[in-house]
Structure formats: C-alpha cells, structure tokens
Amino acid sequence: MSASPFAPTSAVGRLVLPLDVPTVEAARALIAATRGAVGVYKIGMELQFAGGLELARELAAEGVDVFLDVKLLDIDNTIMSAVRTIATMGVRFVTLHAYPKTMRAAVAALRDTGTTDLCLLGVTVLTSLDEDDLKAAGYRGPIAELVAARAADARAAGMGGIVCSPLEAAAMKALVGAELVVVTPGVRPAGSDAGDQKRVMTPAEAIRAGSDYLVVGRPISRAADPRAAALAIAAEIDAAL
C-alpha cells in the first residue's frame, strides 16, 4: 500500500486552523497572526458566504494550503460539475459527505481534470453528533460502525482521505492505512472548552491514535496570542510523533 501524496511532512503542517470568522478582513487578521505556525487554513460555510471563496483562490495562488470545507452532497452531475470547478481553484483539500455515489462521482470528476494536487475528503460522521443524535436522524447501530462503513466506502471509491472524530482515528487508520489521510476535528488542548464538539481528544492523544491532520479552532482563534497557542499545539504534536 503506497503512502498518500497528501501526508503531512511536519508538526506545523499537521495543524489545520478554521477561519470561522464573519469577514474576509477578520480572516486576514487571523492568518497574519498565525502565519508560519499553522499548516492549513480551513474556510467553512460562514466565511464562504462572505467572500471566502475569493480568499481561497488568493491564498492558494500564494502557495498557502487551503482546506475548502463545503461538505458537498447532491446528485452526481452536480457533484461532478462542482469538483471540476473546485479543481481549478488551487486549494489543497475539499470535503464532501461520505456517501458512496457522491464519492464515486467526485473521484471520477477529479480524474477527468487531470489534477493530482487536490485531496477529496469524505466526512464520515460529524464530531458534533453522538449516538442519540444519530438515532434521532434515523440511523441504526453505533457511530463506530457507521464511520467504519463510510471509511471503507471512501477507500473503495479512491478518495484522498476521510474526516472522523479522533475517537475513531485509530480504528480508521488501521482500516485505510497510509493510503488515505485521516483528518480529525474535535481536537482540544487539555483544559479547553469542548464547545459544540461531543467526541474530542487532546492533540497528543489524536496524533498517537493515528490522526494525520488536526483541526483546532477556538483554542487558537480565541486565544490572547493565537500564534503562541498554535505553536504550543504544534510542539505537542511534535512531541507525540
């Protein structure tokens, strides 16, 4: 099994910072405060609707690794058209829900473009959900089984990686191996507020469990010194490797 071309090469490179702010100006300020201490900047829904897609293109053109967190889910033709467009943006990562048809359509579209530097990430189960949430949504069985099924589907479809809770990271890394990267939100330094995340680990625990990339938001973005907070997490990652 070959190693993923999207595998991180440094402790800082493993750290993903969400730009969960309402304006491009606020995002630029957060980037300026953390440049060099963070490996990847994630642009999610809030910023996407406030000029974030243009910012993503700009950052990608500067050589910054951008994680476009759009969580695509639609009919195959729409997914394929969206992936073809995203492939022209120069971003490093893009998310879609880990439904088999959706992933197969995305992989086919990306293959058509000839682009090899875009990593398609399948979102298994959101880290803000627990067993009761899944039952309320009509799913049967424990979270771990659903995550494993979707990770296996991602590997079969030819995806670049998966997104899962750090609690599932060890089992998923054993399942997908080095071929797919494992990205884990729900990472919080010891003593931090878990916020709306329900399945969490510390950075060191997540790395030891097999996570390749750690998504850490508020403990950095809301810190008095975001750069120092990011560097402290990178140091914890390095020590755990």
C-alpha atoms as a PDB file:
ATOM      1  CA  MET A   1       0.000   0.000   0.000  1.00  0.00           C
ATOM      2  CA  SER A   2       1.538   3.312  -1.065  1.00  0.00           C
ATOM      3  CA  ALA A   3       1.700   6.366   1.179  1.00  0.00           C
ATOM      4  CA  SER A   4      -0.666   9.213   0.477  1.00  0.00           C
ATOM      5  CA  PRO A   5       0.764  12.133  -1.521  1.00  0.00           C
ATOM      6  CA  PHE A   6      -1.191  14.344   0.865  1.00  0.00           C
ATOM      7  CA  ALA A   7       0.559  13.114   4.026  1.00  0.00           C
ATOM      8  CA  PRO A   8       1.897  15.980   6.187  1.00  0.00           C
ATOM      9  CA  THR A   9       5.650  16.454   6.469  1.00  0.00           C
ATOM     10  CA  SER A  10       5.946  18.449   9.708  1.00  0.00           C
ATOM     11  CA  ALA A  11       4.197  19.049  13.026  1.00  0.00           C
ATOM     12  CA  VAL A  12       3.091  22.537  11.948  1.00  0.00           C
ATOM     13  CA  GLY A  13       1.922  21.085   8.640  1.00  0.00           C
ATOM     14  CA  ARG A  14      -0.476  18.816  10.510  1.00  0.00           C
ATOM     15  CA  LEU A  15      -2.308  21.713  12.154  1.00  0.00           C
ATOM     16  CA  VAL A  16      -5.482  22.977  10.453  1.00  0.00           C
ATOM     17  CA  LEU A  17      -6.955  26.290  11.602  1.00  0.00           C
ATOM     18  CA  PRO A  18     -10.587  27.043  10.724  1.00  0.00           C
ATOM     19  CA  LEU A  19     -11.149  30.636   9.639  1.00  0.00           C
ATOM     20  CA  ASP A  20     -14.535  30.697  11.357  1.00  0.00           C
ATOM     21  CA  VAL A  21     -14.949  34.456  11.250  1.00  0.00           C
ATOM     22  CA  PRO A  22     -17.633  36.618   9.626  1.00  0.00           C
ATOM     23  CA  THR A  23     -15.495  38.708   7.271  1.00  0.00           C
ATOM     24  CA  VAL A  24     -12.517  38.374   4.962  1.00  0.00           C
ATOM     25  CA  GLU A  25     -10.831  41.179   6.898  1.00  0.00           C
ATOM     26  CA  ALA A  26     -11.096  39.195  10.134  1.00  0.00           C
ATOM     27  CA  ALA A  27      -9.772  36.123   8.324  1.00  0.00           C
ATOM     28  CA  ARG A  28      -6.778  38.060   7.016  1.00  0.00           C
ATOM     29  CA  ALA A  29      -6.026  39.266  10.530  1.00  0.00           C
ATOM     30  CA  LEU A  30      -6.137  35.714  11.899  1.00  0.00           C
ATOM     31  CA  ILE A  31      -3.905  34.484   9.076  1.00  0.00           C
ATOM     32  CA  ALA A  32      -1.417  37.284   9.738  1.00  0.00           C
ATOM     33  CA  ALA A  33      -1.387  36.411  13.438  1.00  0.00           C
ATOM     34  CA  THR A  34      -0.662  32.713  12.795  1.00  0.00           C
ATOM     35  CA  ARG A  35       1.296  32.562   9.522  1.00  0.00           C
ATOM     36  CA  GLY A  36       4.084  30.025   9.871  1.00  0.00           C
ATOM     37  CA  ALA A  37       2.538  28.450  12.980  1.00  0.00           C
ATOM     38  CA  VAL A  38      -0.326  26.745  11.105  1.00  0.00           C
ATOM     39  CA  GLY A  39      -0.059  24.384   8.152  1.00  0.00           C
ATOM     40  CA  VAL A  40      -3.525  24.629   6.620  1.00  0.00           C
ATOM     41  CA  TYR A  41      -6.287  27.236   6.731  1.00  0.00           C
ATOM     42  CA  LYS A  42      -9.847  25.925   6.582  1.00  0.00           C
ATOM     43  CA  ILE A  43     -12.595  28.019   5.015  1.00  0.00           C
ATOM     44  CA  GLY A  44     -16.037  26.909   6.116  1.00  0.00           C
ATOM     45  CA  MET A  45     -19.585  27.958   5.449  1.00  0.00           C
ATOM     46  CA  GLU A  46     -19.633  31.205   7.405  1.00  0.00           C
ATOM     47  CA  LEU A  47     -16.722  32.723   5.515  1.00  0.00           C
ATOM     48  CA  GLN A  48     -17.693  31.161   2.183  1.00  0.00           C
ATOM     49  CA  PHE A  49     -20.792  33.358   2.115  1.00  0.00           C
ATOM     50  CA  ALA A  50     -18.750  36.463   2.943  1.00  0.00           C
ATOM     51  CA  GLY A  51     -16.095  36.376   0.230  1.00  0.00           C
ATOM     52  CA  GLY A  52     -14.241  33.293   1.417  1.00  0.00           C
ATOM     53  CA  LEU A  53     -14.126  31.581  -1.972  1.00  0.00           C
ATOM     54  CA  GLU A  54     -12.235  34.508  -3.452  1.00  0.00           C
ATOM     55  CA  LEU A  55      -9.916  34.456  -0.439  1.00  0.00           C
ATOM     56  CA  ALA A  56      -9.344  30.728  -1.012  1.00  0.00           C
ATOM     57  CA  ARG A  57      -8.191  31.388  -4.574  1.00  0.00           C
ATOM     58  CA  GLU A  58      -5.927  34.194  -3.404  1.00  0.00           C
ATOM     59  CA  LEU A  59      -4.299  32.134  -0.658  1.00  0.00           C
ATOM     60  CA  ALA A  60      -3.852  29.142  -2.960  1.00  0.00           C
ATOM     61  CA  ALA A  61      -2.136  31.372  -5.524  1.00  0.00           C
ATOM     62  CA  GLU A  62       0.285  32.431  -2.766  1.00  0.00           C
ATOM     63  CA  GLY A  63       1.152  28.795  -2.092  1.00  0.00           C
ATOM     64  CA  VAL A  64      -0.875  28.500   1.120  1.00  0.00           C
ATOM     65  CA  ASP A  65      -2.579  25.151   1.743  1.00  0.00           C
ATOM     66  CA  VAL A  66      -6.326  25.806   1.806  1.00  0.00           C
ATOM     67  CA  PHE A  67      -8.979  23.421   3.112  1.00  0.00           C
ATOM     68  CA  LEU A  68     -12.331  24.207   1.484  1.00  0.00           C
ATOM     69  CA  ASP A  69     -14.920  22.782   3.868  1.00  0.00           C
ATOM     70  CA  VAL A  70     -18.028  22.703   1.685  1.00  0.00           C
ATOM     71  CA  LYS A  71     -19.331  19.202   2.570  1.00  0.00           C
ATOM     72  CA  LEU A  72     -20.754  18.587  -0.898  1.00  0.00           C
ATOM     73  CA  LEU A  73     -23.829  16.384  -1.251  1.00  0.00           C
ATOM     74  CA  ASP A  74     -26.067  16.400  -4.321  1.00  0.00           C
ATOM     75  CA  ILE A  75     -26.924  14.462  -7.466  1.00  0.00           C
ATOM     76  CA  ASP A  76     -23.949  13.009  -9.330  1.00  0.00           C
ATOM     77  CA  ASN A  77     -23.956  15.538 -12.166  1.00  0.00           C
ATOM     78  CA  THR A  78     -23.931  18.484  -9.759  1.00  0.00           C
ATOM     79  CA  ILE A  79     -21.150  16.934  -7.672  1.00  0.00           C
ATOM     80  CA  MET A  80     -19.049  16.349 -10.777  1.00  0.00           C
ATOM     81  CA  SER A  81     -19.524  19.903 -12.011  1.00  0.00           C
ATOM     82  CA  ALA A  82     -18.649  21.318  -8.604  1.00  0.00           C
ATOM     83  CA  VAL A  83     -15.485  19.227  -8.274  1.00  0.00           C
ATOM     84  CA  ARG A  84     -14.319  20.224 -11.742  1.00  0.00           C
ATOM     85  CA  THR A  85     -14.674  23.881 -10.761  1.00  0.00           C
ATOM     86  CA  ILE A  86     -13.026  23.437  -7.374  1.00  0.00           C
ATOM     87  CA  ALA A  87     -10.098  21.702  -9.084  1.00  0.00           C
ATOM     88  CA  THR A  88      -9.315  24.998 -10.860  1.00  0.00           C
ATOM     89  CA  MET A  89      -9.064  26.941  -7.586  1.00  0.00           C
ATOM     90  CA  GLY A  90      -5.743  25.522  -6.437  1.00  0.00           C
ATOM     91  CA  VAL A  91      -6.982  24.516  -2.973  1.00  0.00           C
ATOM     92  CA  ARG A  92      -5.418  21.513  -1.260  1.00  0.00           C
ATOM     93  CA  PHE A  93      -8.449  19.885   0.402  1.00  0.00           C
ATOM     94  CA  VAL A  94     -12.197  19.811  -0.186  1.00  0.00           C
ATOM     95  CA  THR A  95     -14.860  17.942   1.788  1.00  0.00           C
ATOM     96  CA  LEU A  96     -17.923  16.010   0.701  1.00  0.00           C
ATOM     97  CA  HIS A  97     -20.249  13.768   2.632  1.00  0.00           C
ATOM     98  CA  ALA A  98     -19.025  10.176   2.530  1.00  0.00           C
ATOM     99  CA  TYR A  99     -21.943   8.715   0.606  1.00  0.00           C
ATOM    100  CA  PRO A 100     -20.756   6.085  -1.902  1.00  0.00           C
ATOM    101  CA  LYS A 101     -22.369   7.591  -5.019  1.00  0.00           C
ATOM    102  CA  THR A 102     -21.255  11.091  -4.073  1.00  0.00           C
ATOM    103  CA  MET A 103     -17.660   9.990  -3.560  1.00  0.00           C
ATOM    104  CA  ARG A 104     -17.532   7.973  -6.767  1.00  0.00           C
ATOM    105  CA  ALA A 105     -18.853  10.938  -8.747  1.00  0.00           C
ATOM    106  CA  ALA A 106     -16.314  13.288  -7.165  1.00  0.00           C
ATOM    107  CA  VAL A 107     -13.389  10.940  -7.825  1.00  0.00           C
ATOM    108  CA  ALA A 108     -14.453  10.465 -11.449  1.00  0.00           C
ATOM    109  CA  ALA A 109     -14.725  14.215 -11.980  1.00  0.00           C
ATOM    110  CA  LEU A 110     -11.346  14.884 -10.414  1.00  0.00           C
ATOM    111  CA  ARG A 111      -9.764  12.183 -12.540  1.00  0.00           C
ATOM    112  CA  ASP A 112     -11.230  13.855 -15.641  1.00  0.00           C
ATOM    113  CA  THR A 113      -9.493  17.118 -14.768  1.00  0.00           C
ATOM    114  CA  GLY A 114      -6.067  15.513 -14.501  1.00  0.00           C
ATOM    115  CA  THR A 115      -5.489  17.376 -11.249  1.00  0.00           C
ATOM    116  CA  THR A 116      -3.400  15.433  -8.735  1.00  0.00           C
ATOM    117  CA  ASP A 117      -2.902  18.049  -6.010  1.00  0.00           C
ATOM    118  CA  LEU A 118      -6.489  18.214  -4.716  1.00  0.00           C
ATOM    119  CA  CYS A 119      -7.365  15.876  -1.855  1.00  0.00           C
ATOM    120  CA  LEU A 120     -11.001  14.769  -1.688  1.00  0.00           C
ATOM    121  CA  LEU A 121     -12.030  14.189   1.934  1.00  0.00           C
ATOM    122  CA  GLY A 122     -15.078  12.128   2.878  1.00  0.00           C
ATOM    123  CA  VAL A 123     -16.842  13.372   6.006  1.00  0.00           C
ATOM    124  CA  THR A 124     -17.953  10.264   7.891  1.00  0.00           C
ATOM    125  CA  VAL A 125     -19.962  11.418  10.925  1.00  0.00           C
ATOM    126  CA  LEU A 126     -19.825  14.975  12.232  1.00  0.00           C
ATOM    127  CA  THR A 127     -17.973  15.298  15.539  1.00  0.00           C
ATOM    128  CA  SER A 128     -20.845  17.345  16.956  1.00  0.00           C
ATOM    129  CA  LEU A 129     -23.074  14.230  16.850  1.00  0.00           C
ATOM    130  CA  ASP A 130     -23.366  11.463  19.408  1.00  0.00           C
ATOM    131  CA  GLU A 131     -25.289   8.180  19.464  1.00  0.00           C
ATOM    132  CA  ASP A 132     -28.569   9.848  20.451  1.00  0.00           C
ATOM    133  CA  ASP A 133     -28.222  12.372  17.605  1.00  0.00           C
ATOM    134  CA  LEU A 134     -27.750   9.577  15.076  1.00  0.00           C
ATOM    135  CA  LYS A 135     -30.780   7.702  16.373  1.00  0.00           C
ATOM    136  CA  ALA A 136     -32.850  10.883  16.121  1.00  0.00           C
ATOM    137  CA  ALA A 137     -31.702  11.221  12.499  1.00  0.00           C
ATOM    138  CA  GLY A 138     -32.863   7.693  11.693  1.00  0.00           C
ATOM    139  CA  TYR A 139     -29.536   5.850  11.682  1.00  0.00           C
ATOM    140  CA  ARG A 140     -29.155   2.421  13.276  1.00  0.00           C
ATOM    141  CA  GLY A 141     -26.140   0.982  15.021  1.00  0.00           C
ATOM    142  CA  PRO A 142     -23.249   2.635  16.854  1.00  0.00           C
ATOM    143  CA  ILE A 143     -21.285   5.563  15.452  1.00  0.00           C
ATOM    144  CA  ALA A 144     -18.121   3.477  15.142  1.00  0.00           C
ATOM    145  CA  GLU A 145     -19.798   1.087  12.707  1.00  0.00           C
ATOM    146  CA  LEU A 146     -21.156   3.874  10.525  1.00  0.00           C
ATOM    147  CA  VAL A 147     -17.787   5.649  10.464  1.00  0.00           C
ATOM    148  CA  ALA A 148     -16.046   2.391   9.517  1.00  0.00           C
ATOM    149  CA  ALA A 149     -18.520   1.682   6.723  1.00  0.00           C
ATOM    150  CA  ARG A 150     -18.088   5.154   5.275  1.00  0.00           C
ATOM    151  CA  ALA A 151     -14.294   4.985   5.570  1.00  0.00           C
ATOM    152  CA  ALA A 152     -14.304   1.676   3.695  1.00  0.00           C
ATOM    153  CA  ASP A 153     -16.501   3.236   1.009  1.00  0.00           C
ATOM    154  CA  ALA A 154     -14.066   6.169   0.751  1.00  0.00           C
ATOM    155  CA  ARG A 155     -11.132   3.832   0.247  1.00  0.00           C
ATOM    156  CA  ALA A 156     -13.043   1.812  -2.375  1.00  0.00           C
ATOM    157  CA  ALA A 157     -14.033   4.982  -4.226  1.00  0.00           C
ATOM    158  CA  GLY A 158     -10.433   6.228  -4.441  1.00  0.00           C
ATOM    159  CA  MET A 159     -10.799   9.230  -2.147  1.00  0.00           C
ATOM    160  CA  GLY A 160      -7.794  11.085  -0.752  1.00  0.00           C
ATOM    161  CA  GLY A 161      -8.830  10.865   2.867  1.00  0.00           C
ATOM    162  CA  ILE A 162     -11.564  10.870   5.472  1.00  0.00           C
ATOM    163  CA  VAL A 163     -12.765  13.143   8.252  1.00  0.00           C
ATOM    164  CA  CYS A 164     -13.693  11.491  11.534  1.00  0.00           C
ATOM    165  CA  SER A 165     -13.599  12.031  15.277  1.00  0.00           C
ATOM    166  CA  PRO A 166     -10.242  11.401  16.962  1.00  0.00           C
ATOM    167  CA  LEU A 167     -12.055   8.716  18.954  1.00  0.00           C
ATOM    168  CA  GLU A 168     -12.315   6.711  15.727  1.00  0.00           C
ATOM    169  CA  ALA A 169      -8.880   7.648  14.372  1.00  0.00           C
ATOM    170  CA  ALA A 170      -7.004   4.522  15.455  1.00  0.00           C
ATOM    171  CA  ALA A 171      -9.570   2.134  14.013  1.00  0.00           C
ATOM    172  CA  MET A 172      -9.889   4.148  10.804  1.00  0.00           C
ATOM    173  CA  LYS A 173      -6.129   4.382  10.303  1.00  0.00           C
ATOM    174  CA  ALA A 174      -5.952   0.628  10.657  1.00  0.00           C
ATOM    175  CA  LEU A 175      -8.723   0.351   8.064  1.00  0.00           C
ATOM    176  CA  VAL A 176      -7.473   2.823   5.437  1.00  0.00           C
ATOM    177  CA  GLY A 177      -3.743   2.624   6.178  1.00  0.00           C
ATOM    178  CA  ALA A 178      -1.246   5.130   4.806  1.00  0.00           C
ATOM    179  CA  GLU A 179      -3.103   5.353   1.507  1.00  0.00           C
ATOM    180  CA  LEU A 180      -5.686   7.831   2.852  1.00  0.00           C
ATOM    181  CA  VAL A 181      -5.099  10.705   5.246  1.00  0.00           C
ATOM    182  CA  VAL A 182      -7.190  10.883   8.414  1.00  0.00           C
ATOM    183  CA  VAL A 183      -8.364  14.370   9.395  1.00  0.00           C
ATOM    184  CA  THR A 184      -9.815  14.875  12.852  1.00  0.00           C
ATOM    185  CA  PRO A 185     -11.855  17.828  14.108  1.00  0.00           C
ATOM    186  CA  GLY A 186     -12.875  17.681  17.740  1.00  0.00           C
ATOM    187  CA  VAL A 187      -9.324  18.261  18.971  1.00  0.00           C
ATOM    188  CA  ARG A 188      -8.967  20.363  22.096  1.00  0.00           C
ATOM    189  CA  PRO A 189      -5.878  21.039  24.238  1.00  0.00           C
ATOM    190  CA  ALA A 190      -6.217  19.838  27.835  1.00  0.00           C
ATOM    191  CA  GLY A 191      -8.369  22.243  29.831  1.00  0.00           C
ATOM    192  CA  SER A 192     -10.069  23.788  26.783  1.00  0.00           C
ATOM    193  CA  ASP A 193     -13.837  24.090  26.457  1.00  0.00           C
ATOM    194  CA  ALA A 194     -15.182  21.366  24.151  1.00  0.00           C
ATOM    195  CA  GLY A 195     -17.787  23.820  22.802  1.00  0.00           C
ATOM    196  CA  ASP A 196     -20.244  22.062  20.477  1.00  0.00           C
ATOM    197  CA  GLN A 197     -17.926  19.084  19.934  1.00  0.00           C
ATOM    198  CA  LYS A 198     -19.039  15.849  21.598  1.00  0.00           C
ATOM    199  CA  ARG A 199     -16.265  13.402  20.624  1.00  0.00           C
ATOM    200  CA  VAL A 200     -12.931  15.010  21.480  1.00  0.00           C
ATOM    201  CA  MET A 201      -9.267  14.293  22.280  1.00  0.00           C
ATOM    202  CA  THR A 202      -6.179  16.341  23.047  1.00  0.00           C
ATOM    203  CA  PRO A 203      -3.670  16.950  20.217  1.00  0.00           C
ATOM    204  CA  ALA A 204      -1.197  14.400  21.593  1.00  0.00           C
ATOM    205  CA  GLU A 205      -3.905  11.770  22.022  1.00  0.00           C
ATOM    206  CA  ALA A 206      -5.177  12.339  18.478  1.00  0.00           C
ATOM    207  CA  ILE A 207      -1.703  12.030  16.969  1.00  0.00           C
ATOM    208  CA  ARG A 208      -0.984   8.843  18.897  1.00  0.00           C
ATOM    209  CA  ALA A 209      -4.320   7.476  17.705  1.00  0.00           C
ATOM    210  CA  GLY A 210      -3.260   7.893  14.081  1.00  0.00           C
ATOM    211  CA  SER A 211      -4.619  11.281  13.010  1.00  0.00           C
ATOM    212  CA  ASP A 212      -2.681  12.899  10.168  1.00  0.00           C
ATOM    213  CA  TYR A 213      -4.250  16.358  10.402  1.00  0.00           C
ATOM    214  CA  LEU A 214      -5.780  18.009  13.460  1.00  0.00           C
ATOM    215  CA  VAL A 215      -8.454  20.685  13.126  1.00  0.00           C
ATOM    216  CA  VAL A 216      -8.185  23.086  16.068  1.00  0.00           C
ATOM    217  CA  GLY A 217     -10.289  26.241  16.029  1.00  0.00           C
ATOM    218  CA  ARG A 218     -11.333  28.263  19.049  1.00  0.00           C
ATOM    219  CA  PRO A 219      -8.376  27.321  21.295  1.00  0.00           C
ATOM    220  CA  ILE A 220      -6.234  29.176  18.730  1.00  0.00           C
ATOM    221  CA  SER A 221      -8.511  31.795  17.205  1.00  0.00           C
ATOM    222  CA  ARG A 222      -9.873  32.986  20.574  1.00  0.00           C
ATOM    223  CA  ALA A 223      -6.549  32.882  22.397  1.00  0.00           C
ATOM    224  CA  ALA A 224      -4.993  36.128  23.597  1.00  0.00           C
ATOM    225  CA  ASP A 225      -1.976  35.224  21.436  1.00  0.00           C
ATOM    226  CA  PRO A 226      -3.151  32.959  18.562  1.00  0.00           C
ATOM    227  CA  ARG A 227       0.371  32.408  17.260  1.00  0.00           C
ATOM    228  CA  ALA A 228       1.661  31.263  20.646  1.00  0.00           C
ATOM    229  CA  ALA A 229      -1.360  28.989  21.056  1.00  0.00           C
ATOM    230  CA  ALA A 230      -0.764  27.415  17.629  1.00  0.00           C
ATOM    231  CA  LEU A 231       2.945  26.917  18.286  1.00  0.00           C
ATOM    232  CA  ALA A 232       2.178  25.264  21.618  1.00  0.00           C
ATOM    233  CA  ILE A 233      -0.146  22.796  19.887  1.00  0.00           C
ATOM    234  CA  ALA A 234       2.446  22.159  17.160  1.00  0.00           C
ATOM    235  CA  ALA A 235       5.005  21.425  19.896  1.00  0.00           C
ATOM    236  CA  GLU A 236       2.578  18.950  21.483  1.00  0.00           C
ATOM    237  CA  ILE A 237       2.082  17.305  18.084  1.00  0.00           C
ATOM    238  CA  ASP A 238       5.840  17.082  17.564  1.00  0.00           C
ATOM    239  CA  ALA A 239       6.368  15.505  20.966  1.00  0.00           C
ATOM    240  CA  ALA A 240       3.676  12.906  20.233  1.00  0.00           C
ATOM    241  CA  LEU A 241       5.087  11.861  16.855  1.00  0.00           C
END
